[in-house]
Amino acid sequence: SIRIADLGWKEKIDELEETDRQFLAEYQ
């Protein structure tokens, strides 16, 4: 899973699917 604390962790974000990254970018 991904936590609030992980939103600034580029390596973790890069592991996510593209649709997940796009979704999180709106709220990060």
mmCIF file of all heavy atoms, coordinates in Angstrom:
data_MODEL
# 
_entry.id   MODEL 
# 
loop_
_atom_site.group_PDB 
_atom_site.id 
_atom_site.type_symbol 
_atom_site.label_atom_id 
_atom_site.label_alt_id 
_atom_site.label_comp_id 
_atom_site.label_asym_id 
_atom_site.label_entity_id 
_atom_site.label_seq_id 
_atom_site.pdbx_PDB_ins_code 
_atom_site.Cartn_x 
_atom_site.Cartn_y 
_atom_site.Cartn_z 
_atom_site.occupancy 
_atom_site.B_iso_or_equiv 
_atom_site.pdbx_formal_charge 
_atom_site.auth_seq_id 
_atom_site.auth_comp_id 
_atom_site.auth_asym_id 
_atom_site.auth_atom_id 
_atom_site.pdbx_PDB_model_num 
ATOM 1   N N   . SER A 1 1  ? 0.835   -1.197 0.000   1.00 0.00 ? 1  SER A N   1 
ATOM 2   C CA  . SER A 1 1  ? 0.000   0.000  0.000   1.00 0.00 ? 1  SER A CA  1 
ATOM 3   C C   . SER A 1 1  ? 0.876   1.256  0.000   1.00 0.00 ? 1  SER A C   1 
ATOM 4   O O   . SER A 1 1  ? 2.104   1.176  0.066   1.00 0.00 ? 1  SER A O   1 
ATOM 5   C CB  . SER A 1 1  ? -0.915  -0.014 1.230   1.00 0.00 ? 1  SER A CB  1 
ATOM 6   O OG  . SER A 1 1  ? -1.792  1.088  1.232   1.00 0.00 ? 1  SER A OG  1 
ATOM 7   N N   . ILE A 1 2  ? 0.221   2.402  -0.070  1.00 0.00 ? 2  ILE A N   1 
ATOM 8   C CA  . ILE A 1 2  ? 0.948   3.666  -0.025  1.00 0.00 ? 2  ILE A CA  1 
ATOM 9   C C   . ILE A 1 2  ? 0.350   4.548  1.077   1.00 0.00 ? 2  ILE A C   1 
ATOM 10  O O   . ILE A 1 2  ? -0.873  4.631  1.231   1.00 0.00 ? 2  ILE A O   1 
ATOM 11  C CB  . ILE A 1 2  ? 0.919   4.392  -1.392  1.00 0.00 ? 2  ILE A CB  1 
ATOM 12  C CG1 . ILE A 1 2  ? 1.757   5.679  -1.324  1.00 0.00 ? 2  ILE A CG1 1 
ATOM 13  C CG2 . ILE A 1 2  ? -0.511  4.675  -1.853  1.00 0.00 ? 2  ILE A CG2 1 
ATOM 14  C CD1 . ILE A 1 2  ? 2.071   6.266  -2.677  1.00 0.00 ? 2  ILE A CD1 1 
ATOM 15  N N   . ARG A 1 3  ? 1.233   5.171  1.867   1.00 0.00 ? 3  ARG A N   1 
ATOM 16  C CA  . ARG A 1 3  ? 0.809   6.007  2.982   1.00 0.00 ? 3  ARG A CA  1 
ATOM 17  C C   . ARG A 1 3  ? 0.912   7.489  2.615   1.00 0.00 ? 3  ARG A C   1 
ATOM 18  O O   . ARG A 1 3  ? 1.555   7.851  1.633   1.00 0.00 ? 3  ARG A O   1 
ATOM 19  C CB  . ARG A 1 3  ? 1.682   5.734  4.211   1.00 0.00 ? 3  ARG A CB  1 
ATOM 20  C CG  . ARG A 1 3  ? 1.751   4.275  4.635   1.00 0.00 ? 3  ARG A CG  1 
ATOM 21  C CD  . ARG A 1 3  ? 2.801   4.083  5.717   1.00 0.00 ? 3  ARG A CD  1 
ATOM 22  N NE  . ARG A 1 3  ? 4.119   4.531  5.259   1.00 0.00 ? 3  ARG A NE  1 
ATOM 23  C CZ  . ARG A 1 3  ? 5.146   4.800  6.061   1.00 0.00 ? 3  ARG A CZ  1 
ATOM 24  N NH1 . ARG A 1 3  ? 5.002   4.683  7.378   1.00 0.00 ? 3  ARG A NH1 1 
ATOM 25  N NH2 . ARG A 1 3  ? 6.308   5.187  5.569   1.00 0.00 ? 3  ARG A NH2 1 
ATOM 26  N N   . ILE A 1 4  ? 0.321   8.308  3.453   1.00 0.00 ? 4  ILE A N   1 
ATOM 27  C CA  . ILE A 1 4  ? 0.460   9.754  3.277   1.00 0.00 ? 4  ILE A CA  1 
ATOM 28  C C   . ILE A 1 4  ? 1.947   10.142 3.299   1.00 0.00 ? 4  ILE A C   1 
ATOM 29  O O   . ILE A 1 4  ? 2.410   10.962 2.501   1.00 0.00 ? 4  ILE A O   1 
ATOM 30  C CB  . ILE A 1 4  ? -0.301  10.510 4.384   1.00 0.00 ? 4  ILE A CB  1 
ATOM 31  C CG1 . ILE A 1 4  ? -1.806  10.187 4.347   1.00 0.00 ? 4  ILE A CG1 1 
ATOM 32  C CG2 . ILE A 1 4  ? -0.059  12.012 4.277   1.00 0.00 ? 4  ILE A CG2 1 
ATOM 33  C CD1 . ILE A 1 4  ? -2.536  10.670 3.135   1.00 0.00 ? 4  ILE A CD1 1 
ATOM 34  N N   . ALA A 1 5  ? 2.709   9.503  4.194   1.00 0.00 ? 5  ALA A N   1 
ATOM 35  C CA  . ALA A 1 5  ? 4.146   9.815  4.324   1.00 0.00 ? 5  ALA A CA  1 
ATOM 36  C C   . ALA A 1 5  ? 4.930   9.455  3.074   1.00 0.00 ? 5  ALA A C   1 
ATOM 37  O O   . ALA A 1 5  ? 6.043   9.963  2.863   1.00 0.00 ? 5  ALA A O   1 
ATOM 38  C CB  . ALA A 1 5  ? 4.727   9.075  5.528   1.00 0.00 ? 5  ALA A CB  1 
ATOM 39  N N   . ASP A 1 6  ? 4.384   8.578  2.231   1.00 0.00 ? 6  ASP A N   1 
ATOM 40  C CA  . ASP A 1 6  ? 5.106   8.118  1.045   1.00 0.00 ? 6  ASP A CA  1 
ATOM 41  C C   . ASP A 1 6  ? 4.902   9.014  -0.173  1.00 0.00 ? 6  ASP A C   1 
ATOM 42  O O   . ASP A 1 6  ? 5.526   8.783  -1.219  1.00 0.00 ? 6  ASP A O   1 
ATOM 43  C CB  . ASP A 1 6  ? 4.658   6.696  0.680   1.00 0.00 ? 6  ASP A CB  1 
ATOM 44  C CG  . ASP A 1 6  ? 4.907   5.696  1.797   1.00 0.00 ? 6  ASP A CG  1 
ATOM 45  O OD1 . ASP A 1 6  ? 5.861   5.904  2.564   1.00 0.00 ? 6  ASP A OD1 1 
ATOM 46  O OD2 . ASP A 1 6  ? 4.122   4.731  1.918   1.00 0.00 ? 6  ASP A OD2 1 
ATOM 47  N N   . LEU A 1 7  ? 4.046   10.012 -0.057  1.00 0.00 ? 7  LEU A N   1 
ATOM 48  C CA  . LEU A 1 7  ? 3.726   10.834 -1.228  1.00 0.00 ? 7  LEU A CA  1 
ATOM 49  C C   . LEU A 1 7  ? 4.933   11.604 -1.756  1.00 0.00 ? 7  LEU A C   1 
ATOM 50  O O   . LEU A 1 7  ? 4.986   11.954 -2.934  1.00 0.00 ? 7  LEU A O   1 
ATOM 51  C CB  . LEU A 1 7  ? 2.585   11.802 -0.888  1.00 0.00 ? 7  LEU A CB  1 
ATOM 52  C CG  . LEU A 1 7  ? 1.210   11.146 -0.698  1.00 0.00 ? 7  LEU A CG  1 
ATOM 53  C CD1 . LEU A 1 7  ? 0.202   12.155 -0.177  1.00 0.00 ? 7  LEU A CD1 1 
ATOM 54  C CD2 . LEU A 1 7  ? 0.725   10.523 -2.010  1.00 0.00 ? 7  LEU A CD2 1 
ATOM 55  N N   . GLY A 1 8  ? 5.898   11.849 -0.882  1.00 0.00 ? 8  GLY A N   1 
ATOM 56  C CA  . GLY A 1 8  ? 7.115   12.533 -1.337  1.00 0.00 ? 8  GLY A CA  1 
ATOM 57  C C   . GLY A 1 8  ? 8.257   11.594 -1.666  1.00 0.00 ? 8  GLY A C   1 
ATOM 58  O O   . GLY A 1 8  ? 9.385   12.039 -1.944  1.00 0.00 ? 8  GLY A O   1 
ATOM 59  N N   . TRP A 1 9  ? 7.990   10.292 -1.649  1.00 0.00 ? 9  TRP A N   1 
ATOM 60  C CA  . TRP A 1 9  ? 9.014   9.272  -1.890  1.00 0.00 ? 9  TRP A CA  1 
ATOM 61  C C   . TRP A 1 9  ? 8.962   8.892  -3.374  1.00 0.00 ? 9  TRP A C   1 
ATOM 62  O O   . TRP A 1 9  ? 8.141   8.082  -3.790  1.00 0.00 ? 9  TRP A O   1 
ATOM 63  C CB  . TRP A 1 9  ? 8.732   8.069  -0.986  1.00 0.00 ? 9  TRP A CB  1 
ATOM 64  C CG  . TRP A 1 9  ? 9.739   6.969  -1.046  1.00 0.00 ? 9  TRP A CG  1 
ATOM 65  C CD1 . TRP A 1 9  ? 10.930  6.940  -1.697  1.00 0.00 ? 9  TRP A CD1 1 
ATOM 66  C CD2 . TRP A 1 9  ? 9.600   5.679  -0.414  1.00 0.00 ? 9  TRP A CD2 1 
ATOM 67  N NE1 . TRP A 1 9  ? 11.562  5.740  -1.517  1.00 0.00 ? 9  TRP A NE1 1 
ATOM 68  C CE2 . TRP A 1 9  ? 10.768  4.944  -0.729  1.00 0.00 ? 9  TRP A CE2 1 
ATOM 69  C CE3 . TRP A 1 9  ? 8.634   5.085  0.387   1.00 0.00 ? 9  TRP A CE3 1 
ATOM 70  C CZ2 . TRP A 1 9  ? 10.960  3.642  -0.278  1.00 0.00 ? 9  TRP A CZ2 1 
ATOM 71  C CZ3 . TRP A 1 9  ? 8.818   3.790  0.832   1.00 0.00 ? 9  TRP A CZ3 1 
ATOM 72  C CH2 . TRP A 1 9  ? 9.978   3.085  0.509   1.00 0.00 ? 9  TRP A CH2 1 
ATOM 73  N N   . LYS A 1 10 ? 9.818   9.474  -4.192  1.00 0.00 ? 10 LYS A N   1 
ATOM 74  C CA  . LYS A 1 10 ? 9.752   9.307  -5.641  1.00 0.00 ? 10 LYS A CA  1 
ATOM 75  C C   . LYS A 1 10 ? 9.854   7.847  -6.067  1.00 0.00 ? 10 LYS A C   1 
ATOM 76  O O   . LYS A 1 10 ? 9.130   7.387  -6.961  1.00 0.00 ? 10 LYS A O   1 
ATOM 77  C CB  . LYS A 1 10 ? 10.861  10.123 -6.310  1.00 0.00 ? 10 LYS A CB  1 
ATOM 78  C CG  . LYS A 1 10 ? 10.798  10.125 -7.837  1.00 0.00 ? 10 LYS A CG  1 
ATOM 79  C CD  . LYS A 1 10 ? 11.875  10.999 -8.439  1.00 0.00 ? 10 LYS A CD  1 
ATOM 80  C CE  . LYS A 1 10 ? 11.735  11.053 -9.960  1.00 0.00 ? 10 LYS A CE  1 
ATOM 81  N NZ  . LYS A 1 10 ? 11.810  9.725  -10.596 1.00 0.00 ? 10 LYS A NZ  1 
ATOM 82  N N   . GLU A 1 11 ? 10.748  7.100  -5.435  1.00 0.00 ? 11 GLU A N   1 
ATOM 83  C CA  . GLU A 1 11 ? 10.930  5.693  -5.800  1.00 0.00 ? 11 GLU A CA  1 
ATOM 84  C C   . GLU A 1 11 ? 9.635   4.903  -5.612  1.00 0.00 ? 11 GLU A C   1 
ATOM 85  O O   . GLU A 1 11 ? 9.277   4.074  -6.451  1.00 0.00 ? 11 GLU A O   1 
ATOM 86  C CB  . GLU A 1 11 ? 12.051  5.089  -4.949  1.00 0.00 ? 11 GLU A CB  1 
ATOM 87  C CG  . GLU A 1 11 ? 12.371  3.640  -5.298  1.00 0.00 ? 11 GLU A CG  1 
ATOM 88  C CD  . GLU A 1 11 ? 13.460  3.064  -4.413  1.00 0.00 ? 11 GLU A CD  1 
ATOM 89  O OE1 . GLU A 1 11 ? 14.057  3.826  -3.624  1.00 0.00 ? 11 GLU A OE1 1 
ATOM 90  O OE2 . GLU A 1 11 ? 13.716  1.851  -4.514  1.00 0.00 ? 11 GLU A OE2 1 
ATOM 91  N N   . LYS A 1 12 ? 8.943   5.183  -4.506  1.00 0.00 ? 12 LYS A N   1 
ATOM 92  C CA  . LYS A 1 12 ? 7.676   4.494  -4.230  1.00 0.00 ? 12 LYS A CA  1 
ATOM 93  C C   . LYS A 1 12 ? 6.603   4.906  -5.233  1.00 0.00 ? 12 LYS A C   1 
ATOM 94  O O   . LYS A 1 12 ? 5.869   4.058  -5.763  1.00 0.00 ? 12 LYS A O   1 
ATOM 95  C CB  . LYS A 1 12 ? 7.219   4.823  -2.805  1.00 0.00 ? 12 LYS A CB  1 
ATOM 96  C CG  . LYS A 1 12 ? 5.895   4.197  -2.391  1.00 0.00 ? 12 LYS A CG  1 
ATOM 97  C CD  . LYS A 1 12 ? 6.024   2.705  -2.186  1.00 0.00 ? 12 LYS A CD  1 
ATOM 98  C CE  . LYS A 1 12 ? 4.738   2.117  -1.627  1.00 0.00 ? 12 LYS A CE  1 
ATOM 99  N NZ  . LYS A 1 12 ? 4.819   0.653  -1.447  1.00 0.00 ? 12 LYS A NZ  1 
ATOM 100 N N   . ILE A 1 13 ? 6.507   6.194  -5.512  1.00 0.00 ? 13 ILE A N   1 
ATOM 101 C CA  . ILE A 1 13 ? 5.511   6.692  -6.465  1.00 0.00 ? 13 ILE A CA  1 
ATOM 102 C C   . ILE A 1 13 ? 5.757   6.108  -7.852  1.00 0.00 ? 13 ILE A C   1 
ATOM 103 O O   . ILE A 1 13 ? 4.818   5.732  -8.565  1.00 0.00 ? 13 ILE A O   1 
ATOM 104 C CB  . ILE A 1 13 ? 5.535   8.243  -6.522  1.00 0.00 ? 13 ILE A CB  1 
ATOM 105 C CG1 . ILE A 1 13 ? 5.132   8.836  -5.163  1.00 0.00 ? 13 ILE A CG1 1 
ATOM 106 C CG2 . ILE A 1 13 ? 4.629   8.765  -7.627  1.00 0.00 ? 13 ILE A CG2 1 
ATOM 107 C CD1 . ILE A 1 13 ? 3.710   8.575  -4.747  1.00 0.00 ? 13 ILE A CD1 1 
ATOM 108 N N   . ASP A 1 14 ? 7.009   5.992  -8.233  1.00 0.00 ? 14 ASP A N   1 
ATOM 109 C CA  . ASP A 1 14 ? 7.350   5.464  -9.565  1.00 0.00 ? 14 ASP A CA  1 
ATOM 110 C C   . ASP A 1 14 ? 6.946   4.003  -9.728  1.00 0.00 ? 14 ASP A C   1 
ATOM 111 O O   . ASP A 1 14 ? 6.763   3.532  -10.857 1.00 0.00 ? 14 ASP A O   1 
ATOM 112 C CB  . ASP A 1 14 ? 8.848   5.626  -9.829  1.00 0.00 ? 14 ASP A CB  1 
ATOM 113 C CG  . ASP A 1 14 ? 9.257   7.066  -10.068 1.00 0.00 ? 14 ASP A CG  1 
ATOM 114 O OD1 . ASP A 1 14 ? 8.357   7.901  -10.305 1.00 0.00 ? 14 ASP A OD1 1 
ATOM 115 O OD2 . ASP A 1 14 ? 10.469  7.371  -9.993  1.00 0.00 ? 14 ASP A OD2 1 
ATOM 116 N N   . GLU A 1 15 ? 6.815   3.281  -8.613  1.00 0.00 ? 15 GLU A N   1 
ATOM 117 C CA  . GLU A 1 15 ? 6.408   1.871  -8.674  1.00 0.00 ? 15 GLU A CA  1 
ATOM 118 C C   . GLU A 1 15 ? 4.921   1.704  -8.979  1.00 0.00 ? 15 GLU A C   1 
ATOM 119 O O   . GLU A 1 15 ? 4.481   0.623  -9.392  1.00 0.00 ? 15 GLU A O   1 
ATOM 120 C CB  . GLU A 1 15 ? 6.717   1.180  -7.345  1.00 0.00 ? 15 GLU A CB  1 
ATOM 121 C CG  . GLU A 1 15 ? 8.199   0.999  -7.045  1.00 0.00 ? 15 GLU A CG  1 
ATOM 122 C CD  . GLU A 1 15 ? 8.439   0.424  -5.658  1.00 0.00 ? 15 GLU A CD  1 
ATOM 123 O OE1 . GLU A 1 15 ? 7.445   0.216  -4.923  1.00 0.00 ? 15 GLU A OE1 1 
ATOM 124 O OE2 . GLU A 1 15 ? 9.606   0.193  -5.307  1.00 0.00 ? 15 GLU A OE2 1 
ATOM 125 N N   . LEU A 1 16 ? 4.152   2.767  -8.780  1.00 0.00 ? 16 LEU A N   1 
ATOM 126 C CA  . LEU A 1 16 ? 2.706   2.681  -8.965  1.00 0.00 ? 16 LEU A CA  1 
ATOM 127 C C   . LEU A 1 16 ? 2.335   2.643  -10.437 1.00 0.00 ? 16 LEU A C   1 
ATOM 128 O O   . LEU A 1 16 ? 3.102   3.063  -11.309 1.00 0.00 ? 16 LEU A O   1 
ATOM 129 C CB  . LEU A 1 16 ? 2.026   3.881  -8.306  1.00 0.00 ? 16 LEU A CB  1 
ATOM 130 C CG  . LEU A 1 16 ? 2.185   4.028  -6.790  1.00 0.00 ? 16 LEU A CG  1 
ATOM 131 C CD1 . LEU A 1 16 ? 1.563   5.337  -6.327  1.00 0.00 ? 16 LEU A CD1 1 
ATOM 132 C CD2 . LEU A 1 16 ? 1.542   2.855  -6.059  1.00 0.00 ? 16 LEU A CD2 1 
ATOM 133 N N   . GLU A 1 17 ? 1.133   2.157  -10.709 1.00 0.00 ? 17 GLU A N   1 
ATOM 134 C CA  . GLU A 1 17 ? 0.618   2.193  -12.072 1.00 0.00 ? 17 GLU A CA  1 
ATOM 135 C C   . GLU A 1 17 ? 0.367   3.646  -12.487 1.00 0.00 ? 17 GLU A C   1 
ATOM 136 O O   . GLU A 1 17 ? 0.136   4.518  -11.645 1.00 0.00 ? 17 GLU A O   1 
ATOM 137 C CB  . GLU A 1 17 ? -0.688  1.391  -12.160 1.00 0.00 ? 17 GLU A CB  1 
ATOM 138 C CG  . GLU A 1 17 ? -0.501  -0.093 -11.883 1.00 0.00 ? 17 GLU A CG  1 
ATOM 139 C CD  . GLU A 1 17 ? -1.795  -0.879 -12.003 1.00 0.00 ? 17 GLU A CD  1 
ATOM 140 O OE1 . GLU A 1 17 ? -2.796  -0.301 -12.496 1.00 0.00 ? 17 GLU A OE1 1 
ATOM 141 O OE2 . GLU A 1 17 ? -1.803  -2.057 -11.606 1.00 0.00 ? 17 GLU A OE2 1 
ATOM 142 N N   . GLU A 1 18 ? 0.392   3.892  -13.774 1.00 0.00 ? 18 GLU A N   1 
ATOM 143 C CA  . GLU A 1 18 ? 0.249   5.254  -14.291 1.00 0.00 ? 18 GLU A CA  1 
ATOM 144 C C   . GLU A 1 18 ? -1.066  5.887  -13.831 1.00 0.00 ? 18 GLU A C   1 
ATOM 145 O O   . GLU A 1 18 ? -1.102  7.067  -13.464 1.00 0.00 ? 18 GLU A O   1 
ATOM 146 C CB  . GLU A 1 18 ? 0.327   5.242  -15.825 1.00 0.00 ? 18 GLU A CB  1 
ATOM 147 C CG  . GLU A 1 18 ? 0.117   6.606  -16.482 1.00 0.00 ? 18 GLU A CG  1 
ATOM 148 C CD  . GLU A 1 18 ? 1.172   7.632  -16.076 1.00 0.00 ? 18 GLU A CD  1 
ATOM 149 O OE1 . GLU A 1 18 ? 2.294   7.239  -15.709 1.00 0.00 ? 18 GLU A OE1 1 
ATOM 150 O OE2 . GLU A 1 18 ? 0.853   8.841  -16.119 1.00 0.00 ? 18 GLU A OE2 1 
ATOM 151 N N   . THR A 1 19 ? -2.146  5.120  -13.847 1.00 0.00 ? 19 THR A N   1 
ATOM 152 C CA  . THR A 1 19 ? -3.444  5.678  -13.426 1.00 0.00 ? 19 THR A CA  1 
ATOM 153 C C   . THR A 1 19 ? -3.420  6.081  -11.949 1.00 0.00 ? 19 THR A C   1 
ATOM 154 O O   . THR A 1 19 ? -4.045  7.073  -11.562 1.00 0.00 ? 19 THR A O   1 
ATOM 155 C CB  . THR A 1 19 ? -4.574  4.664  -13.665 1.00 0.00 ? 19 THR A CB  1 
ATOM 156 O OG1 . THR A 1 19 ? -4.241  3.413  -13.019 1.00 0.00 ? 19 THR A OG1 1 
ATOM 157 C CG2 . THR A 1 19 ? -4.801  4.431  -15.149 1.00 0.00 ? 19 THR A CG2 1 
ATOM 158 N N   . ASP A 1 20 ? -2.691  5.315  -11.132 1.00 0.00 ? 20 ASP A N   1 
ATOM 159 C CA  . ASP A 1 20 ? -2.561  5.659  -9.715  1.00 0.00 ? 20 ASP A CA  1 
ATOM 160 C C   . ASP A 1 20 ? -1.780  6.957  -9.540  1.00 0.00 ? 20 ASP A C   1 
ATOM 161 O O   . ASP A 1 20 ? -2.139  7.818  -8.728  1.00 0.00 ? 20 ASP A O   1 
ATOM 162 C CB  . ASP A 1 20 ? -1.858  4.537  -8.942  1.00 0.00 ? 20 ASP A CB  1 
ATOM 163 C CG  . ASP A 1 20 ? -2.675  3.254  -8.887  1.00 0.00 ? 20 ASP A CG  1 
ATOM 164 O OD1 . ASP A 1 20 ? -3.900  3.334  -9.064  1.00 0.00 ? 20 ASP A OD1 1 
ATOM 165 O OD2 . ASP A 1 20 ? -2.075  2.181  -8.664  1.00 0.00 ? 20 ASP A OD2 1 
ATOM 166 N N   . ARG A 1 21 ? -0.706  7.098  -10.297 1.00 0.00 ? 21 ARG A N   1 
ATOM 167 C CA  . ARG A 1 21 ? 0.119   8.320  -10.201 1.00 0.00 ? 21 ARG A CA  1 
ATOM 168 C C   . ARG A 1 21 ? -0.681  9.547  -10.627 1.00 0.00 ? 21 ARG A C   1 
ATOM 169 O O   . ARG A 1 21 ? -0.590  10.605 -9.993  1.00 0.00 ? 21 ARG A O   1 
ATOM 170 C CB  . ARG A 1 21 ? 1.386   8.177  -11.048 1.00 0.00 ? 21 ARG A CB  1 
ATOM 171 C CG  . ARG A 1 21 ? 2.370   7.131  -10.524 1.00 0.00 ? 21 ARG A CG  1 
ATOM 172 C CD  . ARG A 1 21 ? 3.758   7.337  -11.118 1.00 0.00 ? 21 ARG A CD  1 
ATOM 173 N NE  . ARG A 1 21 ? 3.785   7.153  -12.552 1.00 0.00 ? 21 ARG A NE  1 
ATOM 174 C CZ  . ARG A 1 21 ? 3.970   5.984  -13.172 1.00 0.00 ? 21 ARG A CZ  1 
ATOM 175 N NH1 . ARG A 1 21 ? 4.150   4.875  -12.442 1.00 0.00 ? 21 ARG A NH1 1 
ATOM 176 N NH2 . ARG A 1 21 ? 3.996   5.899  -14.485 1.00 0.00 ? 21 ARG A NH2 1 
ATOM 177 N N   . GLN A 1 22 ? -1.470  9.394  -11.682 1.00 0.00 ? 22 GLN A N   1 
ATOM 178 C CA  . GLN A 1 22 ? -2.290  10.516 -12.145 1.00 0.00 ? 22 GLN A CA  1 
ATOM 179 C C   . GLN A 1 22 ? -3.333  10.897 -11.085 1.00 0.00 ? 22 GLN A C   1 
ATOM 180 O O   . GLN A 1 22 ? -3.588  12.084 -10.844 1.00 0.00 ? 22 GLN A O   1 
ATOM 181 C CB  . GLN A 1 22 ? -2.986  10.149 -13.458 1.00 0.00 ? 22 GLN A CB  1 
ATOM 182 C CG  . GLN A 1 22 ? -2.029  10.037 -14.645 1.00 0.00 ? 22 GLN A CG  1 
ATOM 183 C CD  . GLN A 1 22 ? -2.734  9.560  -15.905 1.00 0.00 ? 22 GLN A CD  1 
ATOM 184 O OE1 . GLN A 1 22 ? -3.933  9.260  -15.898 1.00 0.00 ? 22 GLN A OE1 1 
ATOM 185 N NE2 . GLN A 1 22 ? -1.992  9.485  -17.006 1.00 0.00 ? 22 GLN A NE2 1 
ATOM 186 N N   . PHE A 1 23 ? -3.925  9.892  -10.471 1.00 0.00 ? 23 PHE A N   1 
ATOM 187 C CA  . PHE A 1 23 ? -4.925  10.144 -9.427  1.00 0.00 ? 23 PHE A CA  1 
ATOM 188 C C   . PHE A 1 23 ? -4.301  10.888 -8.252  1.00 0.00 ? 23 PHE A C   1 
ATOM 189 O O   . PHE A 1 23 ? -4.832  11.898 -7.781  1.00 0.00 ? 23 PHE A O   1 
ATOM 190 C CB  . PHE A 1 23 ? -5.523  8.815  -8.965  1.00 0.00 ? 23 PHE A CB  1 
ATOM 191 C CG  . PHE A 1 23 ? -6.432  8.935  -7.781  1.00 0.00 ? 23 PHE A CG  1 
ATOM 192 C CD1 . PHE A 1 23 ? -7.727  9.421  -7.915  1.00 0.00 ? 23 PHE A CD1 1 
ATOM 193 C CD2 . PHE A 1 23 ? -5.995  8.559  -6.510  1.00 0.00 ? 23 PHE A CD2 1 
ATOM 194 C CE1 . PHE A 1 23 ? -8.576  9.534  -6.815  1.00 0.00 ? 23 PHE A CE1 1 
ATOM 195 C CE2 . PHE A 1 23 ? -6.833  8.666  -5.407  1.00 0.00 ? 23 PHE A CE2 1 
ATOM 196 C CZ  . PHE A 1 23 ? -8.127  9.152  -5.560  1.00 0.00 ? 23 PHE A CZ  1 
ATOM 197 N N   . LEU A 1 24 ? -3.159  10.414 -7.781  1.00 0.00 ? 24 LEU A N   1 
ATOM 198 C CA  . LEU A 1 24 ? -2.518  11.020 -6.618  1.00 0.00 ? 24 LEU A CA  1 
ATOM 199 C C   . LEU A 1 24 ? -2.003  12.430 -6.904  1.00 0.00 ? 24 LEU A C   1 
ATOM 200 O O   . LEU A 1 24 ? -1.984  13.284 -6.015  1.00 0.00 ? 24 LEU A O   1 
ATOM 201 C CB  . LEU A 1 24 ? -1.374  10.134 -6.140  1.00 0.00 ? 24 LEU A CB  1 
ATOM 202 C CG  . LEU A 1 24 ? -1.793  8.818  -5.475  1.00 0.00 ? 24 LEU A CG  1 
ATOM 203 C CD1 . LEU A 1 24 ? -0.566  7.958  -5.185  1.00 0.00 ? 24 LEU A CD1 1 
ATOM 204 C CD2 . LEU A 1 24 ? -2.577  9.085  -4.195  1.00 0.00 ? 24 LEU A CD2 1 
ATOM 205 N N   . ALA A 1 25 ? -1.598  12.675 -8.151  1.00 0.00 ? 25 ALA A N   1 
ATOM 206 C CA  . ALA A 1 25 ? -1.055  13.990 -8.497  1.00 0.00 ? 25 ALA A CA  1 
ATOM 207 C C   . ALA A 1 25 ? -2.062  15.106 -8.236  1.00 0.00 ? 25 ALA A C   1 
ATOM 208 O O   . ALA A 1 25 ? -1.684  16.225 -7.869  1.00 0.00 ? 25 ALA A O   1 
ATOM 209 C CB  . ALA A 1 25 ? -0.620  14.003 -9.962  1.00 0.00 ? 25 ALA A CB  1 
ATOM 210 N N   . GLU A 1 26 ? -3.356  14.783 -8.393  1.00 0.00 ? 26 GLU A N   1 
ATOM 211 C CA  . GLU A 1 26 ? -4.404  15.781 -8.188  1.00 0.00 ? 26 GLU A CA  1 
ATOM 212 C C   . GLU A 1 26 ? -4.522  16.195 -6.715  1.00 0.00 ? 26 GLU A C   1 
ATOM 213 O O   . GLU A 1 26 ? -4.907  17.322 -6.404  1.00 0.00 ? 26 GLU A O   1 
ATOM 214 C CB  . GLU A 1 26 ? -5.743  15.225 -8.681  1.00 0.00 ? 26 GLU A CB  1 
ATOM 215 C CG  . GLU A 1 26 ? -6.900  16.198 -8.538  1.00 0.00 ? 26 GLU A CG  1 
ATOM 216 C CD  . GLU A 1 26 ? -8.208  15.621 -9.046  1.00 0.00 ? 26 GLU A CD  1 
ATOM 217 O OE1 . GLU A 1 26 ? -8.194  14.550 -9.699  1.00 0.00 ? 26 GLU A OE1 1 
ATOM 218 O OE2 . GLU A 1 26 ? -9.264  16.243 -8.774  1.00 0.00 ? 26 GLU A OE2 1 
ATOM 219 N N   . TYR A 1 27 ? -4.174  15.274 -5.805  1.00 0.00 ? 27 TYR A N   1 
ATOM 220 C CA  . TYR A 1 27 ? -4.403  15.514 -4.380  1.00 0.00 ? 27 TYR A CA  1 
ATOM 221 C C   . TYR A 1 27 ? -3.127  15.633 -3.555  1.00 0.00 ? 27 TYR A C   1 
ATOM 222 O O   . TYR A 1 27 ? -3.178  15.989 -2.384  1.00 0.00 ? 27 TYR A O   1 
ATOM 223 C CB  . TYR A 1 27 ? -5.242  14.366 -3.803  1.00 0.00 ? 27 TYR A CB  1 
ATOM 224 C CG  . TYR A 1 27 ? -6.567  14.165 -4.496  1.00 0.00 ? 27 TYR A CG  1 
ATOM 225 C CD1 . TYR A 1 27 ? -6.758  13.106 -5.390  1.00 0.00 ? 27 TYR A CD1 1 
ATOM 226 C CD2 . TYR A 1 27 ? -7.628  15.030 -4.267  1.00 0.00 ? 27 TYR A CD2 1 
ATOM 227 C CE1 . TYR A 1 27 ? -7.969  12.921 -6.031  1.00 0.00 ? 27 TYR A CE1 1 
ATOM 228 C CE2 . TYR A 1 27 ? -8.847  14.857 -4.905  1.00 0.00 ? 27 TYR A CE2 1 
ATOM 229 C CZ  . TYR A 1 27 ? -9.013  13.798 -5.785  1.00 0.00 ? 27 TYR A CZ  1 
ATOM 230 O OH  . TYR A 1 27 ? -10.216 13.620 -6.411  1.00 0.00 ? 27 TYR A OH  1 
ATOM 231 N N   . GLN A 1 28 ? -1.976  15.321 -4.146  1.00 0.00 ? 28 GLN A N   1 
ATOM 232 C CA  . GLN A 1 28 ? -0.737  15.180 -3.382  1.00 0.00 ? 28 GLN A CA  1 
ATOM 233 C C   . GLN A 1 28 ? -0.406  16.403 -2.524  1.00 0.00 ? 28 GLN A C   1 
ATOM 234 O O   . GLN A 1 28 ? -0.152  16.281 -1.319  1.00 0.00 ? 28 GLN A O   1 
ATOM 235 C CB  . GLN A 1 28 ? 0.435   14.886 -4.328  1.00 0.00 ? 28 GLN A CB  1 
ATOM 236 C CG  . GLN A 1 28 ? 1.761   14.711 -3.604  1.00 0.00 ? 28 GLN A CG  1 
ATOM 237 C CD  . GLN A 1 28 ? 2.853   14.204 -4.528  1.00 0.00 ? 28 GLN A CD  1 
ATOM 238 O OE1 . GLN A 1 28 ? 2.586   13.669 -5.594  1.00 0.00 ? 28 GLN A OE1 1 
ATOM 239 N NE2 . GLN A 1 28 ? 4.100   14.375 -4.114  1.00 0.00 ? 28 GLN A NE2 1 
# 
